[in-house]
Amino acid sequence: MSKQGTVNFSKAISYILMLMVFIAVCGFLAFFTNGFTSSLKTFYVEIEDKQILSTAENYELTTTVPLNVEVKYVFKALSSENSGYFVKVLPNIIADKDFDFTIDGSVYSYQAEEDLTAGFDIDYGETSFTIKPKGGITEILSAVYPNMEVGVSKDKAYENMFTLVVTSYNGEENIRICFSVLEKVSSVILDQEVIIF
């Protein structure tokens, strides 16, 4: 290969590498700006290998199988400050789904509750945490209001009735994950006298 051919080949390789870097940077920015529709997200969580940058829903929690949430920072390697997180559970407010429950005979609105975190067992790690409910809606509200008599009908539960809010160490970014709590079936009552197989 001539000297001119080597120079042209090197230029072509350089252009291809620059194009690949440009495409990678654009892909990175597109992903972490939600398709260029929001500001750059530097904080996200990962659940079951799915990266969540802002909101997600339709997760199901049980008392026996916790949900594992990994907390991630895009630029963690650049600063040791990029670590830590806060967790809170709130009611997921959906129109026409609110219901009343009682505490020591007084009536309260479920969706007006400000913090349901005490109704969940959360095991905090440095870069991840697990969360599981202390039971169904009755047990969750009873844990929020200990030493009080809580009255709530289990048939009031609705899909995605809880919101897990994970906040970055500096309080600037929030991720909201809506989920349901699956209650254990304690008994089955059949209203037929004869069952035919």
C-alpha atoms as a PDB file:
ATOM      1  CA  MET A   1       0.000   0.000   0.000  1.00  0.00           C
ATOM      2  CA  SER A   2       1.342   3.422  -0.955  1.00  0.00           C
ATOM      3  CA  LYS A   3       1.977   6.182   1.565  1.00  0.00           C
ATOM      4  CA  GLN A   4      -1.031   8.142   0.190  1.00  0.00           C
ATOM      5  CA  GLY A   5      -3.218   5.013   0.473  1.00  0.00           C
ATOM      6  CA  THR A   6      -2.144   4.534   4.104  1.00  0.00           C
ATOM      7  CA  VAL A   7      -2.971   8.164   4.912  1.00  0.00           C
ATOM      8  CA  ASN A   8      -6.417   7.854   3.264  1.00  0.00           C
ATOM      9  CA  PHE A   9      -7.087   4.585   5.088  1.00  0.00           C
ATOM     10  CA  SER A  10      -6.094   6.173   8.435  1.00  0.00           C
ATOM     11  CA  LYS A  11      -8.376   9.162   7.744  1.00  0.00           C
ATOM     12  CA  ALA A  12     -11.277   6.835   6.895  1.00  0.00           C
ATOM     13  CA  ILE A  13     -10.751   4.873  10.125  1.00  0.00           C
ATOM     14  CA  SER A  14     -10.581   8.148  12.099  1.00  0.00           C
ATOM     15  CA  TYR A  15     -13.847   9.364  10.553  1.00  0.00           C
ATOM     16  CA  ILE A  16     -15.561   6.045  11.290  1.00  0.00           C
ATOM     17  CA  LEU A  17     -14.364   6.127  14.917  1.00  0.00           C
ATOM     18  CA  MET A  18     -15.522   9.742  15.333  1.00  0.00           C
ATOM     19  CA  LEU A  19     -18.909   8.804  13.842  1.00  0.00           C
ATOM     20  CA  MET A  20     -19.207   5.846  16.242  1.00  0.00           C
ATOM     21  CA  VAL A  21     -18.361   8.079  19.226  1.00  0.00           C
ATOM     22  CA  PHE A  22     -20.915  10.653  18.025  1.00  0.00           C
ATOM     23  CA  ILE A  23     -23.624   7.959  17.697  1.00  0.00           C
ATOM     24  CA  ALA A  24     -22.773   6.580  21.162  1.00  0.00           C
ATOM     25  CA  VAL A  25     -22.994  10.058  22.743  1.00  0.00           C
ATOM     26  CA  CYS A  26     -26.313  10.738  20.977  1.00  0.00           C
ATOM     27  CA  GLY A  27     -27.664   7.386  22.158  1.00  0.00           C
ATOM     28  CA  PHE A  28     -26.544   8.102  25.716  1.00  0.00           C
ATOM     29  CA  LEU A  29     -28.169  11.542  25.681  1.00  0.00           C
ATOM     30  CA  ALA A  30     -31.358  10.222  24.072  1.00  0.00           C
ATOM     31  CA  PHE A  31     -31.728   7.530  26.735  1.00  0.00           C
ATOM     32  CA  PHE A  32     -30.999   9.750  29.729  1.00  0.00           C
ATOM     33  CA  THR A  33     -33.192  12.616  28.475  1.00  0.00           C
ATOM     34  CA  ASN A  34     -36.172  10.379  27.653  1.00  0.00           C
ATOM     35  CA  GLY A  35     -35.795  10.903  23.913  1.00  0.00           C
ATOM     36  CA  PHE A  36     -34.640  14.524  24.327  1.00  0.00           C
ATOM     37  CA  THR A  37     -37.950  15.428  26.044  1.00  0.00           C
ATOM     38  CA  SER A  38     -36.535  16.151  29.509  1.00  0.00           C
ATOM     39  CA  SER A  39     -33.369  17.342  31.173  1.00  0.00           C
ATOM     40  CA  LEU A  40     -30.441  14.976  31.581  1.00  0.00           C
ATOM     41  CA  LYS A  41     -31.197  12.336  34.233  1.00  0.00           C
ATOM     42  CA  THR A  42     -28.193  11.439  36.348  1.00  0.00           C
ATOM     43  CA  PHE A  43     -30.124   9.281  38.828  1.00  0.00           C
ATOM     44  CA  TYR A  44     -32.178   6.176  38.087  1.00  0.00           C
ATOM     45  CA  VAL A  45     -33.192   2.840  39.560  1.00  0.00           C
ATOM     46  CA  GLU A  46     -33.100  -0.651  38.176  1.00  0.00           C
ATOM     47  CA  ILE A  47     -35.683  -3.359  38.906  1.00  0.00           C
ATOM     48  CA  GLU A  48     -35.336  -6.805  37.344  1.00  0.00           C
ATOM     49  CA  ASP A  49     -32.804  -5.464  34.790  1.00  0.00           C
ATOM     50  CA  LYS A  50     -35.215  -2.675  33.744  1.00  0.00           C
ATOM     51  CA  GLN A  51     -33.868   0.859  34.057  1.00  0.00           C
ATOM     52  CA  ILE A  52     -36.425   3.366  35.356  1.00  0.00           C
ATOM     53  CA  LEU A  53     -35.628   7.054  34.837  1.00  0.00           C
ATOM     54  CA  SER A  54     -38.868   8.691  35.999  1.00  0.00           C
ATOM     55  CA  THR A  55     -41.982   6.515  36.465  1.00  0.00           C
ATOM     56  CA  ALA A  56     -43.094   2.912  36.203  1.00  0.00           C
ATOM     57  CA  GLU A  57     -46.135   0.922  37.283  1.00  0.00           C
ATOM     58  CA  ASN A  58     -47.724  -2.519  37.524  1.00  0.00           C
ATOM     59  CA  TYR A  59     -45.289  -4.051  39.981  1.00  0.00           C
ATOM     60  CA  GLU A  60     -46.671  -6.529  42.515  1.00  0.00           C
ATOM     61  CA  LEU A  61     -45.373  -7.004  46.049  1.00  0.00           C
ATOM     62  CA  THR A  62     -46.095  -9.798  48.492  1.00  0.00           C
ATOM     63  CA  THR A  63     -45.137 -10.413  52.117  1.00  0.00           C
ATOM     64  CA  THR A  64     -42.900 -13.318  51.105  1.00  0.00           C
ATOM     65  CA  VAL A  65     -41.056 -12.051  48.016  1.00  0.00           C
ATOM     66  CA  PRO A  66     -39.479  -8.582  48.373  1.00  0.00           C
ATOM     67  CA  LEU A  67     -38.953  -6.202  45.478  1.00  0.00           C
ATOM     68  CA  ASN A  68     -35.252  -5.528  44.922  1.00  0.00           C
ATOM     69  CA  VAL A  69     -34.422  -1.979  43.764  1.00  0.00           C
ATOM     70  CA  GLU A  70     -30.912  -0.979  42.695  1.00  0.00           C
ATOM     71  CA  VAL A  71     -30.079   2.726  42.948  1.00  0.00           C
ATOM     72  CA  LYS A  72     -27.799   4.077  40.209  1.00  0.00           C
ATOM     73  CA  TYR A  73     -25.987   7.319  39.469  1.00  0.00           C
ATOM     74  CA  VAL A  74     -24.761   7.953  35.915  1.00  0.00           C
ATOM     75  CA  PHE A  75     -21.705   9.946  37.017  1.00  0.00           C
ATOM     76  CA  LYS A  76     -20.933   8.115  40.274  1.00  0.00           C
ATOM     77  CA  ALA A  77     -17.302   7.568  39.265  1.00  0.00           C
ATOM     78  CA  LEU A  78     -16.754  11.322  38.937  1.00  0.00           C
ATOM     79  CA  SER A  79     -17.720  12.226  42.510  1.00  0.00           C
ATOM     80  CA  SER A  80     -18.087  10.399  45.803  1.00  0.00           C
ATOM     81  CA  GLU A  81     -21.030  12.707  46.581  1.00  0.00           C
ATOM     82  CA  ASN A  82     -23.133  10.857  44.023  1.00  0.00           C
ATOM     83  CA  SER A  83     -24.385   8.229  46.445  1.00  0.00           C
ATOM     84  CA  GLY A  84     -27.227   7.678  48.860  1.00  0.00           C
ATOM     85  CA  TYR A  85     -30.985   7.848  48.449  1.00  0.00           C
ATOM     86  CA  PHE A  86     -34.267   8.275  50.314  1.00  0.00           C
ATOM     87  CA  VAL A  87     -37.337   6.026  50.145  1.00  0.00           C
ATOM     88  CA  LYS A  88     -40.970   6.796  50.896  1.00  0.00           C
ATOM     89  CA  VAL A  89     -44.281   5.033  50.179  1.00  0.00           C
ATOM     90  CA  LEU A  90     -47.361   7.117  49.384  1.00  0.00           C
ATOM     91  CA  PRO A  91     -50.880   6.391  48.170  1.00  0.00           C
ATOM     92  CA  ASN A  92     -51.166   6.418  44.384  1.00  0.00           C
ATOM     93  CA  ILE A  93     -53.870   8.985  43.690  1.00  0.00           C
ATOM     94  CA  ILE A  94     -56.240   7.768  40.988  1.00  0.00           C
ATOM     95  CA  ALA A  95     -59.557   9.508  40.390  1.00  0.00           C
ATOM     96  CA  ASP A  96     -62.619   7.557  41.587  1.00  0.00           C
ATOM     97  CA  LYS A  97     -60.476   5.035  43.506  1.00  0.00           C
ATOM     98  CA  ASP A  98     -60.268   6.795  46.879  1.00  0.00           C
ATOM     99  CA  PHE A  99     -61.979   5.159  49.849  1.00  0.00           C
ATOM    100  CA  ASP A 100     -62.571   5.835  53.517  1.00  0.00           C
ATOM    101  CA  PHE A 101     -61.141   3.915  56.452  1.00  0.00           C
ATOM    102  CA  THR A 102     -61.443   4.431  60.186  1.00  0.00           C
ATOM    103  CA  ILE A 103     -58.932   5.043  62.962  1.00  0.00           C
ATOM    104  CA  ASP A 104     -60.453   4.603  66.415  1.00  0.00           C
ATOM    105  CA  GLY A 105     -63.863   5.262  64.875  1.00  0.00           C
ATOM    106  CA  SER A 106     -62.935   8.475  63.030  1.00  0.00           C
ATOM    107  CA  VAL A 107     -63.194   8.444  59.212  1.00  0.00           C
ATOM    108  CA  TYR A 108     -60.187   9.249  57.001  1.00  0.00           C
ATOM    109  CA  SER A 109     -59.489   9.282  53.251  1.00  0.00           C
ATOM    110  CA  TYR A 110     -56.896   6.787  52.019  1.00  0.00           C
ATOM    111  CA  GLN A 111     -55.542   9.032  49.257  1.00  0.00           C
ATOM    112  CA  ALA A 112     -55.095  11.910  51.746  1.00  0.00           C
ATOM    113  CA  GLU A 113     -52.490   9.886  53.674  1.00  0.00           C
ATOM    114  CA  GLU A 114     -49.065  11.531  53.591  1.00  0.00           C
ATOM    115  CA  ASP A 115     -46.777   8.605  54.406  1.00  0.00           C
ATOM    116  CA  LEU A 116     -47.357   4.828  54.343  1.00  0.00           C
ATOM    117  CA  THR A 117     -43.694   3.844  54.695  1.00  0.00           C
ATOM    118  CA  ALA A 118     -44.172   2.352  58.181  1.00  0.00           C
ATOM    119  CA  GLY A 119     -46.424  -0.297  56.609  1.00  0.00           C
ATOM    120  CA  PHE A 120     -43.471  -1.807  54.733  1.00  0.00           C
ATOM    121  CA  ASP A 121     -40.309  -3.646  55.681  1.00  0.00           C
ATOM    122  CA  ILE A 122     -37.402  -1.936  53.921  1.00  0.00           C
ATOM    123  CA  ASP A 123     -33.900  -3.359  54.069  1.00  0.00           C
ATOM    124  CA  TYR A 124     -31.456  -0.585  53.098  1.00  0.00           C
ATOM    125  CA  GLY A 125     -28.116  -1.285  51.439  1.00  0.00           C
ATOM    126  CA  GLU A 126     -25.488   1.120  50.144  1.00  0.00           C
ATOM    127  CA  THR A 127     -26.613   0.942  46.513  1.00  0.00           C
ATOM    128  CA  SER A 128     -29.849  -1.034  46.709  1.00  0.00           C
ATOM    129  CA  PHE A 129     -32.781  -1.870  48.937  1.00  0.00           C
ATOM    130  CA  THR A 130     -35.556  -4.425  49.223  1.00  0.00           C
ATOM    131  CA  ILE A 131     -39.127  -3.653  50.144  1.00  0.00           C
ATOM    132  CA  LYS A 132     -42.069  -5.833  51.095  1.00  0.00           C
ATOM    133  CA  PRO A 133     -45.424  -5.087  52.727  1.00  0.00           C
ATOM    134  CA  LYS A 134     -46.195  -6.002  56.330  1.00  0.00           C
ATOM    135  CA  GLY A 135     -49.443  -7.518  55.064  1.00  0.00           C
ATOM    136  CA  GLY A 136     -52.516  -6.372  53.183  1.00  0.00           C
ATOM    137  CA  ILE A 137     -54.101  -2.934  53.353  1.00  0.00           C
ATOM    138  CA  THR A 138     -55.391  -3.508  56.907  1.00  0.00           C
ATOM    139  CA  GLU A 139     -51.963  -4.537  58.209  1.00  0.00           C
ATOM    140  CA  ILE A 140     -50.236  -1.691  56.349  1.00  0.00           C
ATOM    141  CA  LEU A 141     -52.549   0.958  57.821  1.00  0.00           C
ATOM    142  CA  SER A 142     -52.311  -0.697  61.258  1.00  0.00           C
ATOM    143  CA  ALA A 143     -48.505  -0.405  61.080  1.00  0.00           C
ATOM    144  CA  VAL A 144     -48.836   3.273  60.124  1.00  0.00           C
ATOM    145  CA  TYR A 145     -51.182   3.816  63.096  1.00  0.00           C
ATOM    146  CA  PRO A 146     -49.887   1.466  65.826  1.00  0.00           C
ATOM    147  CA  ASN A 147     -51.901   1.054  69.020  1.00  0.00           C
ATOM    148  CA  MET A 148     -55.037   2.298  67.247  1.00  0.00           C
ATOM    149  CA  GLU A 149     -57.982   0.379  65.882  1.00  0.00           C
ATOM    150  CA  VAL A 150     -57.982   0.534  62.089  1.00  0.00           C
ATOM    151  CA  GLY A 151     -61.050  -0.430  60.098  1.00  0.00           C
ATOM    152  CA  VAL A 152     -60.844  -0.895  56.340  1.00  0.00           C
ATOM    153  CA  SER A 153     -62.579  -3.160  53.862  1.00  0.00           C
ATOM    154  CA  LYS A 154     -60.132  -5.287  51.847  1.00  0.00           C
ATOM    155  CA  ASP A 155     -62.372  -5.020  48.787  1.00  0.00           C
ATOM    156  CA  LYS A 156     -61.394  -1.326  48.542  1.00  0.00           C
ATOM    157  CA  ALA A 157     -57.903  -2.215  47.319  1.00  0.00           C
ATOM    158  CA  TYR A 158     -57.191  -1.224  43.722  1.00  0.00           C
ATOM    159  CA  GLU A 159     -54.467  -1.872  41.206  1.00  0.00           C
ATOM    160  CA  ASN A 160     -51.311   0.231  41.633  1.00  0.00           C
ATOM    161  CA  MET A 161     -52.654   1.749  44.867  1.00  0.00           C
ATOM    162  CA  PHE A 162     -49.188   2.462  46.294  1.00  0.00           C
ATOM    163  CA  THR A 163     -46.369   4.670  44.997  1.00  0.00           C
ATOM    164  CA  LEU A 164     -42.756   4.020  45.931  1.00  0.00           C
ATOM    165  CA  VAL A 165     -40.811   7.290  45.694  1.00  0.00           C
ATOM    166  CA  VAL A 166     -37.018   6.979  45.484  1.00  0.00           C
ATOM    167  CA  THR A 167     -35.216  10.315  45.824  1.00  0.00           C
ATOM    168  CA  SER A 168     -31.599  11.135  44.994  1.00  0.00           C
ATOM    169  CA  TYR A 169     -29.113  12.000  47.743  1.00  0.00           C
ATOM    170  CA  ASN A 170     -29.556  15.744  47.117  1.00  0.00           C
ATOM    171  CA  GLY A 171     -33.361  15.648  46.835  1.00  0.00           C
ATOM    172  CA  GLU A 172     -33.310  16.967  43.266  1.00  0.00           C
ATOM    173  CA  GLU A 173     -34.527  13.871  41.383  1.00  0.00           C
ATOM    174  CA  ASN A 174     -37.447  11.536  42.150  1.00  0.00           C
ATOM    175  CA  ILE A 175     -38.443   8.225  40.655  1.00  0.00           C
ATOM    176  CA  ARG A 176     -42.010   7.015  41.193  1.00  0.00           C
ATOM    177  CA  ILE A 177     -42.918   3.331  41.001  1.00  0.00           C
ATOM    178  CA  CYS A 178     -46.593   2.402  41.356  1.00  0.00           C
ATOM    179  CA  PHE A 179     -47.367  -1.068  42.658  1.00  0.00           C
ATOM    180  CA  SER A 180     -50.020  -3.361  44.079  1.00  0.00           C
ATOM    181  CA  VAL A 181     -49.873  -5.528  47.179  1.00  0.00           C
ATOM    182  CA  LEU A 182     -51.102  -9.061  46.629  1.00  0.00           C
ATOM    183  CA  GLU A 183     -52.897 -10.344  49.698  1.00  0.00           C
ATOM    184  CA  LYS A 184     -52.736 -13.954  50.746  1.00  0.00           C
ATOM    185  CA  VAL A 185     -56.003 -15.855  50.328  1.00  0.00           C
ATOM    186  CA  SER A 186     -56.923 -17.180  53.752  1.00  0.00           C
ATOM    187  CA  SER A 187     -59.962 -19.243  52.781  1.00  0.00           C
ATOM    188  CA  VAL A 188     -62.254 -20.091  49.904  1.00  0.00           C
ATOM    189  CA  ILE A 189     -66.004 -20.333  50.389  1.00  0.00           C
ATOM    190  CA  LEU A 190     -68.028 -22.152  47.750  1.00  0.00           C
ATOM    191  CA  ASP A 191     -71.704 -21.373  47.423  1.00  0.00           C
ATOM    192  CA  GLN A 192     -72.540 -24.492  45.430  1.00  0.00           C
ATOM    193  CA  GLU A 193     -73.561 -27.678  47.209  1.00  0.00           C
ATOM    194  CA  VAL A 194     -72.374 -29.902  44.390  1.00  0.00           C
ATOM    195  CA  ILE A 195     -69.230 -29.493  42.319  1.00  0.00           C
ATOM    196  CA  ILE A 196     -69.032 -31.454  39.081  1.00  0.00           C
ATOM    197  CA  PHE A 197     -65.644 -32.230  37.514  1.00  0.00           C
END
